C-alpha atoms as a PDB file:
ATOM      1  CA  MET A   1      98.934  69.133  51.183  1.00  0.00           C
ATOM      2  CA  ASN A   2     102.152  66.865  51.653  1.00  0.00           C
ATOM      3  CA  GLU A   3     102.463  68.287  55.239  1.00  0.00           C
ATOM      4  CA  ALA A   4      99.084  67.388  56.079  1.00  0.00           C
ATOM      5  CA  ILE A   5      99.579  63.822  54.789  1.00  0.00           C
ATOM      6  CA  VAL A   6     102.947  63.583  56.854  1.00  0.00           C
ATOM      7  CA  ASP A   7     101.270  65.036  59.884  1.00  0.00           C
ATOM      8  CA  ALA A   8      98.269  62.600  59.685  1.00  0.00           C
ATOM      9  CA  GLY A   9     100.641  59.652  59.149  1.00  0.00           C
ATOM     10  CA  ALA A  10     102.502  60.811  62.384  1.00  0.00           C
ATOM     11  CA  VAL A  11      99.181  60.913  64.203  1.00  0.00           C
ATOM     12  CA  VAL A  12      98.205  57.359  63.012  1.00  0.00           C
ATOM     13  CA  GLY A  13     101.733  56.101  64.112  1.00  0.00           C
ATOM     14  CA  ALA A  14     101.570  57.575  67.402  1.00  0.00           C
ATOM     15  CA  ARG A  15      98.136  56.004  68.083  1.00  0.00           C
ATOM     16  CA  ALA A  16      99.372  52.632  66.980  1.00  0.00           C
ATOM     17  CA  GLU A  17     102.270  53.007  69.220  1.00  0.00           C
ATOM     18  CA  GLU A  18     100.037  53.988  72.180  1.00  0.00           C
ATOM     19  CA  GLU A  19      97.848  50.796  71.404  1.00  0.00           C
ATOM     20  CA  THR A  20     100.969  48.541  71.410  1.00  0.00           C
ATOM     21  CA  PHE A  21     102.175  49.943  74.721  1.00  0.00           C
ATOM     22  CA  GLU A  22      98.643  49.542  76.210  1.00  0.00           C
ATOM     23  CA  SER A  23      98.548  45.982  75.056  1.00  0.00           C
ATOM     24  CA  LEU A  24     101.951  45.264  76.547  1.00  0.00           C
ATOM     25  CA  TYR A  25     100.981  46.934  79.921  1.00  0.00           C
ATOM     26  CA  ARG A  26      97.856  44.659  79.995  1.00  0.00           C
ATOM     27  CA  ARG A  27      99.697  41.570  79.032  1.00  0.00           C
ATOM     28  CA  ALA A  28     102.757  42.115  81.152  1.00  0.00           C
ATOM     29  CA  PHE A  29     101.502  43.831  84.258  1.00  0.00           C
ATOM     30  CA  PRO A  30     100.698  40.933  86.512  1.00  0.00           C
ATOM     31  CA  ARG A  31     104.175  39.146  85.924  1.00  0.00           C
ATOM     32  CA  VAL A  32     106.196  42.499  86.283  1.00  0.00           C
ATOM     33  CA  TYR A  33     104.395  43.074  89.548  1.00  0.00           C
ATOM     34  CA  ALA A  34     105.079  39.614  90.754  1.00  0.00           C
ATOM     35  CA  TYR A  35     108.771  39.838  89.671  1.00  0.00           C
ATOM     36  CA  VAL A  36     109.213  43.160  91.486  1.00  0.00           C
ATOM     37  CA  ALA A  37     107.362  41.968  94.603  1.00  0.00           C
ATOM     38  CA  SER A  38     109.484  38.911  94.761  1.00  0.00           C
ATOM     39  CA  LEU A  39     112.536  41.314  94.950  1.00  0.00           C
ATOM     40  CA  LEU A  40     111.183  43.920  97.344  1.00  0.00           C
ATOM     41  CA  ARG A  41     109.051  41.596  99.563  1.00  0.00           C
ATOM     42  CA  GLU A  42     106.899  44.721 100.238  1.00  0.00           C
ATOM     43  CA  ARG A  43     103.530  45.232  98.609  1.00  0.00           C
ATOM     44  CA  ALA A  44     103.324  48.974  98.687  1.00  0.00           C
ATOM     45  CA  ALA A  45     107.083  49.329  97.464  1.00  0.00           C
ATOM     46  CA  ALA A  46     106.278  46.700  94.694  1.00  0.00           C
ATOM     47  CA  GLU A  47     103.326  48.766  93.411  1.00  0.00           C
ATOM     48  CA  ASP A  48     105.350  51.947  93.398  1.00  0.00           C
ATOM     49  CA  VAL A  49     108.173  50.392  91.675  1.00  0.00           C
ATOM     50  CA  THR A  50     106.129  48.679  89.095  1.00  0.00           C
ATOM     51  CA  ALA A  51     104.428  51.876  88.271  1.00  0.00           C
ATOM     52  CA  GLN A  52     107.688  53.601  88.003  1.00  0.00           C
ATOM     53  CA  ALA A  53     108.975  50.805  85.665  1.00  0.00           C
ATOM     54  CA  PHE A  54     105.900  51.216  83.281  1.00  0.00           C
ATOM     55  CA  GLU A  55     106.251  55.045  83.402  1.00  0.00           C
ATOM     56  CA  ARG A  56     109.994  54.812  82.438  1.00  0.00           C
ATOM     57  CA  ALA A  57     109.148  52.280  79.615  1.00  0.00           C
ATOM     58  CA  TYR A  58     106.530  54.579  78.322  1.00  0.00           C
ATOM     59  CA  ARG A  59     108.907  57.495  78.242  1.00  0.00           C
ATOM     60  CA  LYS A  60     111.618  55.286  76.524  1.00  0.00           C
ATOM     61  CA  ARG A  61     109.286  53.292  74.260  1.00  0.00           C
ATOM     62  CA  HIS A  62     110.843  55.008  71.225  1.00  0.00           C
ATOM     63  CA  ARG A  63     114.157  53.372  72.206  1.00  0.00           C
ATOM     64  CA  TYR A  64     112.874  49.834  71.966  1.00  0.00           C
ATOM     65  CA  SER A  65     114.700  47.837  69.249  1.00  0.00           C
ATOM     66  CA  PRO A  66     113.273  44.497  68.242  1.00  0.00           C
ATOM     67  CA  ARG A  67     116.778  43.392  67.285  1.00  0.00           C
ATOM     68  CA  ARG A  68     117.677  43.340  70.931  1.00  0.00           C
ATOM     69  CA  GLY A  69     114.919  41.165  72.146  1.00  0.00           C
ATOM     70  CA  SER A  70     111.118  41.130  72.872  1.00  0.00           C
ATOM     71  CA  ARG A  71     109.254  43.987  74.375  1.00  0.00           C
ATOM     72  CA  GLU A  72     108.693  41.874  77.465  1.00  0.00           C
ATOM     73  CA  ALA A  73     112.463  41.336  77.989  1.00  0.00           C
ATOM     74  CA  TRP A  74     113.156  45.063  77.485  1.00  0.00           C
ATOM     75  CA  LEU A  75     110.380  45.825  79.989  1.00  0.00           C
ATOM     76  CA  PHE A  76     111.576  43.480  82.550  1.00  0.00           C
ATOM     77  CA  GLY A  77     115.143  44.998  82.169  1.00  0.00           C
ATOM     78  CA  ILE A  78     113.649  48.272  83.139  1.00  0.00           C
ATOM     79  CA  ALA A  79     111.645  46.741  85.990  1.00  0.00           C
ATOM     80  CA  ARG A  80     114.733  45.080  87.303  1.00  0.00           C
ATOM     81  CA  ASN A  81     116.733  48.428  87.172  1.00  0.00           C
ATOM     82  CA  ALA A  82     113.936  50.121  88.950  1.00  0.00           C
ATOM     83  CA  ALA A  83     113.784  47.283  91.639  1.00  0.00           C
ATOM     84  CA  LEU A  84     117.516  47.435  92.206  1.00  0.00           C
ATOM     85  CA  ASP A  85     117.400  51.265  92.511  1.00  0.00           C
ATOM     86  CA  GLU A  86     114.748  50.932  95.286  1.00  0.00           C
ATOM     87  CA  LEU A  87     116.904  48.175  97.022  1.00  0.00           C
ATOM     88  CA  ARG A  88     119.920  50.482  96.967  1.00  0.00           C
ATOM     89  CA  ARG A  89     117.821  53.387  98.313  1.00  0.00           C
ATOM     90  CA  ARG A  90     116.694  51.227 101.228  1.00  0.00           C
ATOM     91  CA  ARG A  91     120.197  50.066 101.881  1.00  0.00           C
ATOM     92  CA  ARG A  92     121.458  53.578 102.025  1.00  0.00           C
ATOM     93  CA  ARG A  93     118.537  54.715 104.345  1.00  0.00           C
ATOM     94  CA  ALA A  94     119.215  51.676 106.603  1.00  0.00           C
ATOM     95  CA  ASP A  95     122.745  52.643 106.827  1.00  0.00           C
ATOM     96  CA  LEU A  96     122.036  56.186 107.697  1.00  0.00           C
ATOM     97  CA  GLU A  97     119.332  55.366 110.237  1.00  0.00           C
ATOM     98  CA  GLY A  98     121.236  52.249 111.750  1.00  0.00           C
ATOM     99  CA  ASP A  99     118.223  50.108 111.148  1.00  0.00           C
ATOM    100  CA  PRO A 100     118.967  46.411 111.353  1.00  0.00           C
ATOM    101  CA  PRO A 101     118.536  44.334 108.149  1.00  0.00           C
ATOM    102  CA  ASP A 102     115.185  43.288 107.094  1.00  0.00           C
ATOM    103  CA  THR A 103     114.650  39.468 107.910  1.00  0.00           C
ATOM    104  CA  ASP A 104     111.191  38.643 106.304  1.00  0.00           C
ATOM    105  CA  ALA A 105     110.679  35.936 108.968  1.00  0.00           C
ATOM    106  CA  PRO A 106     107.707  33.401 108.291  1.00  0.00           C
ATOM    107  CA  ALA A 107     104.644  33.731 110.330  1.00  0.00           C
ATOM    108  CA  LEU A 108     104.693  31.437 113.206  1.00  0.00           C
ATOM    109  CA  ASP A 109     101.081  31.247 113.860  1.00  0.00           C
ATOM    110  CA  ASP A 110     100.425  29.412 110.610  1.00  0.00           C
ATOM    111  CA  LEU A 111     101.916  25.908 110.801  1.00  0.00           C
ATOM    112  CA  ALA A 112      99.999  24.304 107.943  1.00  0.00           C
ATOM    113  CA  ASP A 113     101.928  22.154 105.434  1.00  0.00           C
ATOM    114  CA  GLY A 114     101.930  24.938 102.851  1.00  0.00           C
ATOM    115  CA  ALA A 115     103.352  27.631 105.199  1.00  0.00           C
ATOM    116  CA  LEU A 116     106.109  25.329 106.319  1.00  0.00           C
ATOM    117  CA  ARG A 117     106.885  24.685 102.557  1.00  0.00           C
ATOM    118  CA  ARG A 118     106.972  28.573 101.933  1.00  0.00           C
ATOM    119  CA  ALA A 119     108.964  29.283 104.887  1.00  0.00           C
ATOM    120  CA  THR A 120     111.400  26.564 103.858  1.00  0.00           C
ATOM    121  CA  VAL A 121     111.770  28.023 100.275  1.00  0.00           C
ATOM    122  CA  ARG A 122     112.125  31.472 101.712  1.00  0.00           C
ATOM    123  CA  ALA A 123     114.841  30.411 104.039  1.00  0.00           C
ATOM    124  CA  ALA A 124     116.525  28.582 101.100  1.00  0.00           C
ATOM    125  CA  LEU A 125     116.199  31.503  98.795  1.00  0.00           C
ATOM    126  CA  ALA A 126     117.909  33.692 101.553  1.00  0.00           C
ATOM    127  CA  THR A 127     121.001  31.511 101.249  1.00  0.00           C
ATOM    128  CA  LEU A 128     121.388  32.325  97.656  1.00  0.00           C
ATOM    129  CA  ALA A 129     123.416  35.182  96.224  1.00  0.00           C
ATOM    130  CA  PRO A 130     121.486  38.135  95.138  1.00  0.00           C
ATOM    131  CA  ALA A 131     122.245  37.366  91.414  1.00  0.00           C
ATOM    132  CA  GLU A 132     120.879  33.800  91.888  1.00  0.00           C
ATOM    133  CA  ARG A 133     117.692  35.189  93.724  1.00  0.00           C
ATOM    134  CA  ASP A 134     117.304  37.444  90.748  1.00  0.00           C
ATOM    135  CA  LEU A 135     117.458  34.378  88.277  1.00  0.00           C
ATOM    136  CA  VAL A 136     114.784  32.574  90.270  1.00  0.00           C
ATOM    137  CA  ALA A 137     112.600  35.740  90.349  1.00  0.00           C
ATOM    138  CA  LEU A 138     112.767  36.248  86.677  1.00  0.00           C
ATOM    139  CA  LYS A 139     111.974  32.624  85.915  1.00  0.00           C
ATOM    140  CA  PHE A 140     109.331  31.703  88.422  1.00  0.00           C
ATOM    141  CA  ALA A 141     107.793  35.039  89.471  1.00  0.00           C
ATOM    142  CA  ALA A 142     108.057  36.931  86.220  1.00  0.00           C
ATOM    143  CA  GLY A 143     107.664  33.687  84.133  1.00  0.00           C
ATOM    144  CA  LEU A 144     110.177  34.502  81.636  1.00  0.00           C
ATOM    145  CA  THR A 145     111.902  32.128  79.356  1.00  0.00           C
ATOM    146  CA  ASN A 146     115.632  31.485  79.356  1.00  0.00           C
ATOM    147  CA  ALA A 147     115.966  33.595  76.264  1.00  0.00           C
ATOM    148  CA  GLU A 148     114.183  36.488  77.775  1.00  0.00           C
ATOM    149  CA  ILE A 149     116.036  36.108  80.962  1.00  0.00           C
ATOM    150  CA  ALA A 150     119.283  36.132  78.990  1.00  0.00           C
ATOM    151  CA  ARG A 151     118.244  39.389  77.279  1.00  0.00           C
ATOM    152  CA  VAL A 152     117.327  41.121  80.489  1.00  0.00           C
ATOM    153  CA  LEU A 153     120.755  40.135  82.104  1.00  0.00           C
ATOM    154  CA  GLY A 154     122.717  40.674  79.023  1.00  0.00           C
ATOM    155  CA  ILE A 155     124.243  37.156  78.885  1.00  0.00           C
ATOM    156  CA  SER A 156     123.814  34.317  76.294  1.00  0.00           C
ATOM    157  CA  GLU A 157     120.802  31.939  76.534  1.00  0.00           C
ATOM    158  CA  SER A 158     122.978  29.019  77.259  1.00  0.00           C
ATOM    159  CA  ASN A 159     124.678  30.793  80.146  1.00  0.00           C
ATOM    160  CA  ALA A 160     121.266  31.878  81.513  1.00  0.00           C
ATOM    161  CA  GLY A 161     120.129  28.135  81.250  1.00  0.00           C
ATOM    162  CA  SER A 162     123.249  26.800  82.819  1.00  0.00           C
ATOM    163  CA  ARG A 163     123.150  29.504  85.812  1.00  0.00           C
ATOM    164  CA  LEU A 164     119.332  28.704  86.368  1.00  0.00           C
ATOM    165  CA  HIS A 165     120.063  25.038  86.520  1.00  0.00           C
ATOM    166  CA  ARG A 166     122.817  25.401  88.939  1.00  0.00           C
ATOM    167  CA  THR A 167     120.879  27.868  91.185  1.00  0.00           C
ATOM    168  CA  VAL A 168     117.735  25.572  91.068  1.00  0.00           C
ATOM    169  CA  ASN A 169     119.829  22.716  92.190  1.00  0.00           C
ATOM    170  CA  LYS A 170     121.464  24.713  94.952  1.00  0.00           C
ATOM    171  CA  LEU A 171     117.843  25.847  95.985  1.00  0.00           C
ATOM    172  CA  ARG A 172     116.764  22.208  96.130  1.00  0.00           C
ATOM    173  CA  GLU A 173     119.644  21.139  98.215  1.00  0.00           C
ATOM    174  CA  ALA A 174     119.131  24.109 100.625  1.00  0.00           C
ATOM    175  CA  CYS A 175     115.373  23.175 100.845  1.00  0.00           C
ATOM    176  CA  ASP A 176     116.301  19.307 101.499  1.00  0.00           C
ATOM    177  CA  GLY A 177     118.668  20.224 104.160  1.00  0.00           C
ATOM    178  CA  ARG A 178     115.973  22.092 105.943  1.00  0.00           C
ATOM    179  CA  ASP A 179     113.407  19.147 106.051  1.00  0.00           C
END
């Protein structure tokens, strides 16, 4: 009889965990996708990597520890690693195939004010170091707080805030220099 109670408790616990993961998925998917897409700059690859990130998170869901941060920060850490894996694969493939680097040039046929601003920001982002672009993506594409960014990157919250402040100032200067 006690075994049946323990088994029933395990089933109820597993269902609750499934519901928690489902709510995390529903809540975080748009932000995770936006973050991954901002890093990869390719819709199909972003969809694949976002799916991989959620799959990894689901398989590793029992490893999550609330002491190390929120579920969202944990998930963004997994998504970041998956996106970086994809970028490394691309770089290796390009090296093997001798492809020129991807230049993500802005569309020339759309000269509207908004398109020009986007092109300016894109060009300014290209001047930043990869770690700085990652900070910008975590903050603005993913919508994470400084505390969540700190957990994803494994740095202190004040360090995350300082780095982000310097990076945004650098980005502003780069944008102002392109006007």
